[in-house]
Amino acid sequence: QVQLVESGGGLVQAGGSLRLSCAVSGTFFSINAMGWYRQTPGKTREWVATITSGSSTNHADSVKGRFTISRDNAKNTVYLQMNSLKPEDTAVYYCNAEMGTGLRIRHYWGQGTQVTVSS
């Protein structure tokens, strides 16, 4: 069974920084891409950033230049460094891990961590 556990969320003032972590545990062969998403009440989950197994990254326009995704393959952990935070970044942040190949690809999700940015 695969588990993803996020940490690092909290309350921060606008302009501040937070670093989210997501550790993957359990039995698996390897992790393909990993990503971060966020969701606010009443809205659909929004993609934030993705990092491939080869560490190529992509970020949503809304966070580009402020957020940076990274990963430590030895620790099966993905990070999201969030700088210059804005009130509109307030959301529950979820990490995602893709595993498997072809028709056996599966996506796993963490339980989420709350990020609140005060103005």
Protein backbone atom coordinates (compact mmCIF):
# COMPACT_ATOMS: atom_id res chain seq x y z
CA GLN A 1 0.00 0.00 0.00
CA VAL A 2 1.27 3.45 -0.91
CA GLN A 3 0.93 6.44 1.38
CA LEU A 4 1.68 10.10 0.77
CA VAL A 5 2.04 12.37 3.79
CA GLU A 6 2.24 16.14 3.37
CA SER A 7 3.67 18.55 5.92
CA GLY A 8 4.77 22.16 6.18
CA GLY A 9 1.49 23.99 5.82
CA GLY A 10 0.44 26.76 8.17
CA LEU A 11 -0.45 30.41 8.56
CA VAL A 12 1.82 33.04 7.04
CA GLN A 13 1.56 36.73 6.23
CA ALA A 14 1.46 37.94 2.65
CA GLY A 15 4.97 38.12 1.23
CA GLY A 16 6.16 35.29 3.43
CA SER A 17 7.40 31.82 2.57
CA LEU A 18 6.55 28.23 3.32
CA ARG A 19 8.05 24.93 2.26
CA LEU A 20 5.78 21.95 1.79
CA SER A 21 7.03 18.39 1.87
CA CYS A 22 5.40 15.16 0.76
CA ALA A 23 6.94 11.83 1.68
CA VAL A 24 5.92 8.68 -0.18
CA SER A 25 6.06 5.36 1.67
CA GLY A 26 4.96 1.79 1.10
CA THR A 27 5.70 -0.87 -1.45
CA PHE A 28 6.32 0.28 -5.00
CA PHE A 29 8.88 -0.05 -7.78
CA SER A 30 9.45 3.57 -8.72
CA ILE A 31 7.77 6.94 -8.88
CA ASN A 32 7.18 8.66 -12.19
CA ALA A 33 6.05 12.28 -12.06
CA MET A 34 5.13 13.99 -8.81
CA GLY A 35 3.05 17.07 -8.44
CA TRP A 36 1.28 19.57 -6.26
CA TYR A 37 -2.33 20.67 -6.53
CA ARG A 38 -4.48 22.98 -4.45
CA GLN A 39 -8.15 23.39 -3.72
CA THR A 40 -10.35 26.00 -2.09
CA PRO A 41 -13.93 25.40 -0.91
CA GLY A 42 -16.41 25.24 -3.76
CA LYS A 43 -13.75 25.09 -6.45
CA THR A 44 -12.18 22.27 -8.41
CA ARG A 45 -8.70 21.09 -7.59
CA GLU A 46 -6.12 23.25 -9.38
CA TRP A 47 -2.78 22.04 -10.72
CA VAL A 48 0.21 23.93 -9.27
CA ALA A 49 3.40 22.21 -10.38
CA THR A 50 4.84 18.95 -11.70
CA ILE A 51 8.28 17.37 -11.63
CA THR A 52 9.21 14.34 -13.72
CA SER A 53 11.40 11.44 -12.68
CA GLY A 54 14.22 13.20 -14.49
CA SER A 55 13.54 16.41 -12.53
CA SER A 56 12.08 18.43 -15.37
CA THR A 57 9.64 20.90 -13.89
CA ASN A 58 6.57 22.82 -14.93
CA HIS A 59 4.66 25.41 -12.93
CA ALA A 60 1.26 27.01 -13.34
CA ASP A 61 1.38 30.59 -14.56
CA SER A 62 -0.22 31.78 -11.32
CA VAL A 63 2.78 30.59 -9.29
CA LYS A 64 5.60 30.82 -11.81
CA GLY A 65 8.54 32.75 -10.40
CA ARG A 66 7.27 32.38 -6.83
CA PHE A 67 6.94 28.62 -6.27
CA THR A 68 9.53 25.95 -7.00
CA ILE A 69 8.95 22.22 -7.06
CA SER A 70 11.80 19.82 -6.37
CA ARG A 71 12.27 16.20 -5.38
CA ASP A 72 14.70 13.96 -3.54
CA ASN A 73 14.49 10.54 -5.16
CA ALA A 74 16.56 8.92 -2.42
CA LYS A 75 13.97 10.02 0.13
CA ASN A 76 10.92 9.56 -2.14
CA THR A 77 9.97 13.10 -1.23
CA VAL A 78 8.70 16.04 -3.23
CA TYR A 79 8.90 19.64 -2.05
CA LEU A 80 7.18 22.89 -2.89
CA GLN A 81 9.06 26.05 -1.94
CA MET A 82 6.55 28.89 -1.85
CA ASN A 83 7.85 32.45 -1.76
CA SER A 84 6.13 35.83 -2.03
CA LEU A 85 2.89 34.26 -0.90
CA LYS A 86 -0.38 36.03 -1.64
CA PRO A 87 -3.78 35.72 0.04
CA GLU A 88 -5.08 34.04 -3.11
CA ASP A 89 -2.61 31.20 -2.51
CA THR A 90 -4.71 30.17 0.48
CA ALA A 91 -5.89 26.60 -0.11
CA VAL A 92 -5.47 23.00 0.88
CA TYR A 93 -2.40 21.71 -0.95
CA TYR A 94 -2.26 18.09 -2.10
CA CYS A 95 0.65 16.13 -3.45
CA ASN A 96 0.30 13.52 -6.15
CA ALA A 97 2.54 10.68 -7.24
CA GLU A 98 2.24 8.73 -10.47
CA MET A 99 3.43 5.13 -10.52
CA GLY A 100 3.39 2.28 -12.98
CA THR A 101 3.54 2.07 -16.75
CA GLY A 102 1.07 1.83 -19.62
CA LEU A 103 -2.36 0.61 -18.53
CA ARG A 104 -1.09 0.07 -14.99
CA ILE A 105 -0.44 3.76 -14.29
CA ARG A 106 -1.98 4.85 -11.02
CA HIS A 107 -2.12 8.17 -9.20
CA TYR A 108 -1.86 8.45 -5.45
CA TRP A 109 -2.84 11.45 -3.33
CA GLY A 110 -1.91 12.77 0.07
CA GLN A 111 -4.42 13.93 2.65
CA GLY A 112 -3.68 17.61 2.09
CA THR A 113 -2.11 20.37 4.15
CA GLN A 114 -3.71 23.76 4.78
CA VAL A 115 -1.91 26.91 3.70
CA THR A 116 -3.41 30.20 4.85
CA VAL A 117 -1.96 33.53 3.75
CA SER A 118 -3.17 36.58 5.64
CA SER A 119 -3.23 40.05 4.11
